[in-house]
C-alpha atoms as a PDB file:
ATOM      1  CA  MET A   1      14.221   5.547  21.917  1.00  0.00           C
ATOM      2  CA  THR A   2      13.660   1.980  21.499  1.00  0.00           C
ATOM      3  CA  GLU A   3      16.075  -0.769  22.523  1.00  0.00           C
ATOM      4  CA  ASN A   4      18.053  -2.823  20.089  1.00  0.00           C
ATOM      5  CA  SER A   5      20.395  -5.374  21.406  1.00  0.00           C
ATOM      6  CA  GLY A   6      20.543  -3.311  24.605  1.00  0.00           C
ATOM      7  CA  LYS A   7      21.714  -0.306  22.801  1.00  0.00           C
ATOM      8  CA  PRO A   8      19.204   2.781  22.353  1.00  0.00           C
ATOM      9  CA  GLN A   9      18.171   3.140  18.749  1.00  0.00           C
ATOM     10  CA  ARG A  10      18.971   6.608  17.171  1.00  0.00           C
ATOM     11  CA  THR A  11      15.817   7.601  15.200  1.00  0.00           C
ATOM     12  CA  ALA A  12      15.652  10.662  13.055  1.00  0.00           C
ATOM     13  CA  VAL A  13      12.740  12.094  10.834  1.00  0.00           C
ATOM     14  CA  TYR A  14      13.096  13.808   7.466  1.00  0.00           C
ATOM     15  CA  THR A  15       9.748  15.506   6.556  1.00  0.00           C
ATOM     16  CA  GLY A  16       8.790  17.315   3.390  1.00  0.00           C
ATOM     17  CA  SER A  17       6.234  17.108   0.581  1.00  0.00           C
ATOM     18  CA  PHE A  18       8.541  15.262  -1.771  1.00  0.00           C
ATOM     19  CA  ASP A  19       6.545  16.181  -4.732  1.00  0.00           C
ATOM     20  CA  PRO A  20       8.318  14.611  -6.430  1.00  0.00           C
ATOM     21  CA  ILE A  21      11.447  13.523  -4.663  1.00  0.00           C
ATOM     22  CA  THR A  22      14.679  14.751  -6.274  1.00  0.00           C
ATOM     23  CA  LEU A  23      18.354  13.944  -6.332  1.00  0.00           C
ATOM     24  CA  GLY A  24      18.872  16.590  -3.649  1.00  0.00           C
ATOM     25  CA  HIS A  25      16.333  14.968  -1.381  1.00  0.00           C
ATOM     26  CA  LEU A  26      17.943  11.449  -1.914  1.00  0.00           C
ATOM     27  CA  ASN A  27      21.341  12.997  -1.247  1.00  0.00           C
ATOM     28  CA  VAL A  28      20.065  13.998   2.158  1.00  0.00           C
ATOM     29  CA  ILE A  29      18.357  10.721   2.705  1.00  0.00           C
ATOM     30  CA  GLU A  30      21.561   8.797   1.939  1.00  0.00           C
ATOM     31  CA  ARG A  31      23.678  11.020   4.186  1.00  0.00           C
ATOM     32  CA  ALA A  32      21.157  11.094   7.125  1.00  0.00           C
ATOM     33  CA  ALA A  33      20.729   7.353   6.934  1.00  0.00           C
ATOM     34  CA  ARG A  34      24.411   6.969   7.724  1.00  0.00           C
ATOM     35  CA  LEU A  35      24.174   9.002  10.846  1.00  0.00           C
ATOM     36  CA  VAL A  36      21.250   7.128  12.530  1.00  0.00           C
ATOM     37  CA  ASP A  37      19.950   3.559  13.077  1.00  0.00           C
ATOM     38  CA  ARG A  38      16.661   4.293  11.689  1.00  0.00           C
ATOM     39  CA  LEU A  39      15.533   7.268   9.411  1.00  0.00           C
ATOM     40  CA  VAL A  40      11.770   7.816   8.865  1.00  0.00           C
ATOM     41  CA  ILE A  41      10.789   9.787   5.778  1.00  0.00           C
ATOM     42  CA  GLY A  42       7.549  11.801   6.608  1.00  0.00           C
ATOM     43  CA  VAL A  43       5.482  12.643   3.614  1.00  0.00           C
ATOM     44  CA  GLY A  44       3.411  15.611   4.438  1.00  0.00           C
ATOM     45  CA  THR A  45       1.255  18.018   2.378  1.00  0.00           C
ATOM     46  CA  ASN A  46       2.137  21.542   1.773  1.00  0.00           C
ATOM     47  CA  VAL A  47      -1.165  23.278   1.466  1.00  0.00           C
ATOM     48  CA  THR A  48       0.463  26.261  -0.101  1.00  0.00           C
ATOM     49  CA  LYS A  49       1.569  24.325  -3.021  1.00  0.00           C
ATOM     50  CA  LYS A  50      -0.239  22.494  -5.892  1.00  0.00           C
ATOM     51  CA  ALA A  51       0.559  19.018  -5.707  1.00  0.00           C
ATOM     52  CA  LEU A  52       1.648  16.962  -8.742  1.00  0.00           C
ATOM     53  CA  PHE A  53       1.514  13.527  -7.066  1.00  0.00           C
ATOM     54  CA  THR A  54      -0.856  12.363  -4.312  1.00  0.00           C
ATOM     55  CA  PRO A  55       0.737  11.511  -0.806  1.00  0.00           C
ATOM     56  CA  THR A  56       0.285   7.764  -1.646  1.00  0.00           C
ATOM     57  CA  GLU A  57       2.097   7.965  -4.975  1.00  0.00           C
ATOM     58  CA  ARG A  58       4.871  10.084  -3.355  1.00  0.00           C
ATOM     59  CA  VAL A  59       5.333   7.342  -0.587  1.00  0.00           C
ATOM     60  CA  GLU A  60       5.524   4.764  -3.545  1.00  0.00           C
ATOM     61  CA  LEU A  61       8.096   6.793  -5.458  1.00  0.00           C
ATOM     62  CA  ILE A  62      10.218   7.390  -2.262  1.00  0.00           C
ATOM     63  CA  GLU A  63      10.032   3.768  -1.224  1.00  0.00           C
ATOM     64  CA  ARG A  64      11.064   2.722  -4.625  1.00  0.00           C
ATOM     65  CA  VAL A  65      14.169   4.793  -4.651  1.00  0.00           C
ATOM     66  CA  THR A  66      15.264   4.195  -1.008  1.00  0.00           C
ATOM     67  CA  GLU A  67      14.896   0.384  -1.237  1.00  0.00           C
ATOM     68  CA  PRO A  68      18.683  -0.029  -1.037  1.00  0.00           C
ATOM     69  CA  PHE A  69      18.666   1.601   2.602  1.00  0.00           C
ATOM     70  CA  SER A  70      17.607  -0.917   5.058  1.00  0.00           C
ATOM     71  CA  ASN A  71      17.209   1.570   7.867  1.00  0.00           C
ATOM     72  CA  VAL A  72      15.015   3.922   5.934  1.00  0.00           C
ATOM     73  CA  SER A  73      11.021   3.795   6.019  1.00  0.00           C
ATOM     74  CA  VAL A  74       8.509   6.082   4.507  1.00  0.00           C
ATOM     75  CA  LYS A  75       5.200   7.153   6.142  1.00  0.00           C
ATOM     76  CA  MET A  76       2.551   9.680   5.431  1.00  0.00           C
ATOM     77  CA  PHE A  77       1.650  12.222   8.014  1.00  0.00           C
ATOM     78  CA  SER A  78      -0.706  15.117   8.577  1.00  0.00           C
ATOM     79  CA  GLY A  79      -0.578  17.889  11.230  1.00  0.00           C
ATOM     80  CA  LEU A  80       2.487  19.366  12.855  1.00  0.00           C
ATOM     81  CA  ALA A  81       5.880  17.748  11.707  1.00  0.00           C
ATOM     82  CA  VAL A  82       7.026  17.885  15.453  1.00  0.00           C
ATOM     83  CA  HIS A  83       4.059  15.730  16.553  1.00  0.00           C
ATOM     84  CA  PHE A  84       4.943  13.243  13.677  1.00  0.00           C
ATOM     85  CA  VAL A  85       8.576  13.187  15.009  1.00  0.00           C
ATOM     86  CA  ARG A  86       7.390  12.324  18.455  1.00  0.00           C
ATOM     87  CA  GLN A  87       5.004   9.678  17.108  1.00  0.00           C
ATOM     88  CA  GLN A  88       8.120   7.946  15.575  1.00  0.00           C
ATOM     89  CA  GLY A  89      10.009   7.851  18.785  1.00  0.00           C
ATOM     90  CA  ALA A  90      12.478  10.256  17.575  1.00  0.00           C
ATOM     91  CA  GLN A  91      13.896  13.421  18.967  1.00  0.00           C
ATOM     92  CA  VAL A  92      15.809  14.594  15.847  1.00  0.00           C
ATOM     93  CA  MET A  93      14.377  16.160  12.637  1.00  0.00           C
ATOM     94  CA  VAL A  94      16.464  16.225   9.662  1.00  0.00           C
ATOM     95  CA  ARG A  95      16.201  19.158   7.287  1.00  0.00           C
ATOM     96  CA  GLY A  96      17.837  19.460   3.911  1.00  0.00           C
ATOM     97  CA  VAL A  97      18.900  22.993   2.770  1.00  0.00           C
ATOM     98  CA  ARG A  98      20.005  24.103  -0.539  1.00  0.00           C
ATOM     99  CA  PRO A  99      21.085  27.686  -1.231  1.00  0.00           C
ATOM    100  CA  LEU A 100      21.479  30.173   1.576  1.00  0.00           C
ATOM    101  CA  THR A 101      18.035  31.498   0.724  1.00  0.00           C
ATOM    102  CA  ASP A 102      16.590  28.404   2.438  1.00  0.00           C
ATOM    103  CA  ILE A 103      18.378  29.190   5.620  1.00  0.00           C
ATOM    104  CA  ALA A 104      16.112  31.967   6.788  1.00  0.00           C
ATOM    105  CA  ALA A 105      12.911  29.976   6.235  1.00  0.00           C
ATOM    106  CA  GLU A 106      14.489  26.832   7.852  1.00  0.00           C
ATOM    107  CA  PHE A 107      15.648  28.819  10.724  1.00  0.00           C
ATOM    108  CA  THR A 108      12.213  30.246  11.323  1.00  0.00           C
ATOM    109  CA  MET A 109      10.751  26.798  11.093  1.00  0.00           C
ATOM    110  CA  MET A 110      13.258  25.426  13.497  1.00  0.00           C
ATOM    111  CA  MET A 111      12.404  28.226  16.094  1.00  0.00           C
ATOM    112  CA  ALA A 112       8.712  27.621  15.795  1.00  0.00           C
ATOM    113  CA  ASN A 113       9.128  23.810  16.116  1.00  0.00           C
ATOM    114  CA  ARG A 114      11.399  24.496  19.351  1.00  0.00           C
ATOM    115  CA  GLN A 115       8.484  26.372  20.861  1.00  0.00           C
ATOM    116  CA  LEU A 116       6.040  23.481  19.881  1.00  0.00           C
ATOM    117  CA  ASP A 117       8.561  20.841  21.409  1.00  0.00           C
ATOM    118  CA  SER A 118      11.636  21.967  22.987  1.00  0.00           C
ATOM    119  CA  GLU A 119      13.047  18.394  23.212  1.00  0.00           C
ATOM    120  CA  ILE A 120      13.174  18.039  19.331  1.00  0.00           C
ATOM    121  CA  GLU A 121      16.534  18.839  17.839  1.00  0.00           C
ATOM    122  CA  THR A 122      16.708  19.991  14.220  1.00  0.00           C
ATOM    123  CA  VAL A 123      19.921  18.898  12.123  1.00  0.00           C
ATOM    124  CA  PHE A 124      20.471  20.648   9.109  1.00  0.00           C
ATOM    125  CA  LEU A 125      22.237  18.838   6.140  1.00  0.00           C
ATOM    126  CA  MET A 126      23.407  20.920   3.186  1.00  0.00           C
ATOM    127  CA  ALA A 127      22.525  19.266  -0.163  1.00  0.00           C
ATOM    128  CA  HIS A 128      25.538  18.367  -2.086  1.00  0.00           C
ATOM    129  CA  GLU A 129      26.662  21.327  -4.393  1.00  0.00           C
ATOM    130  CA  GLU A 130      25.654  19.327  -7.511  1.00  0.00           C
ATOM    131  CA  TYR A 131      22.018  19.508  -6.470  1.00  0.00           C
ATOM    132  CA  SER A 132      21.849  22.772  -4.499  1.00  0.00           C
ATOM    133  CA  HIS A 133      19.821  24.393  -7.289  1.00  0.00           C
ATOM    134  CA  VAL A 134      17.271  21.448  -7.576  1.00  0.00           C
ATOM    135  CA  SER A 135      13.797  21.944  -6.208  1.00  0.00           C
ATOM    136  CA  SER A 136      10.567  20.140  -6.800  1.00  0.00           C
ATOM    137  CA  SER A 137       9.169  23.546  -8.195  1.00  0.00           C
ATOM    138  CA  LEU A 138      11.986  23.765 -10.699  1.00  0.00           C
ATOM    139  CA  LEU A 139      11.453  20.263 -11.847  1.00  0.00           C
ATOM    140  CA  LYS A 140       7.700  20.946 -12.389  1.00  0.00           C
ATOM    141  CA  GLN A 141       8.634  23.882 -14.690  1.00  0.00           C
ATOM    142  CA  ILE A 142      10.928  21.933 -16.840  1.00  0.00           C
ATOM    143  CA  ALA A 143       9.618  18.397 -16.735  1.00  0.00           C
ATOM    144  CA  LEU A 144       7.483  18.848 -19.944  1.00  0.00           C
ATOM    145  CA  LEU A 145      10.143  20.196 -21.929  1.00  0.00           C
ATOM    146  CA  ALA A 146      13.077  18.129 -20.732  1.00  0.00           C
ATOM    147  CA  ASN A 147      13.914  14.591 -22.274  1.00  0.00           C
ATOM    148  CA  GLU A 148      14.463  11.665 -19.930  1.00  0.00           C
ATOM    149  CA  GLU A 149      18.211  12.156 -19.894  1.00  0.00           C
ATOM    150  CA  SER A 150      17.809  15.704 -18.870  1.00  0.00           C
ATOM    151  CA  LEU A 151      15.276  14.818 -16.100  1.00  0.00           C
ATOM    152  CA  ALA A 152      17.739  12.312 -14.861  1.00  0.00           C
ATOM    153  CA  LYS A 153      20.016  15.135 -13.770  1.00  0.00           C
ATOM    154  CA  PHE A 154      17.355  16.312 -11.354  1.00  0.00           C
ATOM    155  CA  VAL A 155      15.446  13.233 -10.004  1.00  0.00           C
ATOM    156  CA  PRO A 156      16.357   9.472  -9.610  1.00  0.00           C
ATOM    157  CA  GLU A 157      16.116   7.580 -12.930  1.00  0.00           C
ATOM    158  CA  ALA A 158      13.701   5.144 -11.460  1.00  0.00           C
ATOM    159  CA  ILE A 159      11.064   7.697 -11.340  1.00  0.00           C
ATOM    160  CA  VAL A 160      11.571   9.687 -14.625  1.00  0.00           C
ATOM    161  CA  GLU A 161       8.860   7.832 -16.450  1.00  0.00           C
ATOM    162  CA  ASP A 162       6.447   8.351 -13.500  1.00  0.00           C
ATOM    163  CA  ILE A 163       6.965  12.079 -13.790  1.00  0.00           C
ATOM    164  CA  ARG A 164       6.630  12.131 -17.690  1.00  0.00           C
ATOM    165  CA  LYS A 165       3.461  10.174 -17.306  1.00  0.00           C
ATOM    166  CA  LYS A 166       1.958  12.481 -14.665  1.00  0.00           C
ATOM    167  CA  MET A 167       2.947  15.723 -16.390  1.00  0.00           C
ATOM    168  CA  THR A 168       1.588  14.574 -19.676  1.00  0.00           C
ATOM    169  CA  SER A 169      -1.840  13.612 -18.100  1.00  0.00           C
ATOM    170  CA  LYS A 170      -2.066  16.963 -16.224  1.00  0.00           C
ATOM    171  CA  VAL A 171      -1.575  18.738 -19.488  1.00  0.00           C
ATOM    172  CA  ASN A 172      -4.108  16.498 -21.267  1.00  0.00           C
ATOM    173  CA  SER A 173      -6.766  16.827 -18.724  1.00  0.00           C
END
């Protein structure tokens, strides 16, 4: 922990692929940012998923929609999330969970992370019920067919156009 006015700074890290960031992710970020002095969003690469945006593009999109939060920063990372958490001087990893089906996978990951670094605590934040069904995978399935107004029900309005452009270029290439 770093010192800030003589008081330890509470830092947490929220990792994910965020490809792209959804309203569910943003909801977790908003709530986590209220709980800590500093929240680092770690943009990683999920090798099991085909990425829509590059890591650099994802960082830019997240920075754009988290600009109102003065205590949020966004960084790319590779490797194990617990190592990234440690590099940020944090001991808390935030995980967003949607439906109950996420719980089993997240619990397994938490147990693995605990084996890798027993001093890192995982805090689970349930996505607001309005966003519990929203996932980046679902978004990629509907993005080509949905209009801007419909897409804005799943992602921050500020990135709707970016998604439309990316999806159109993928189809045309």
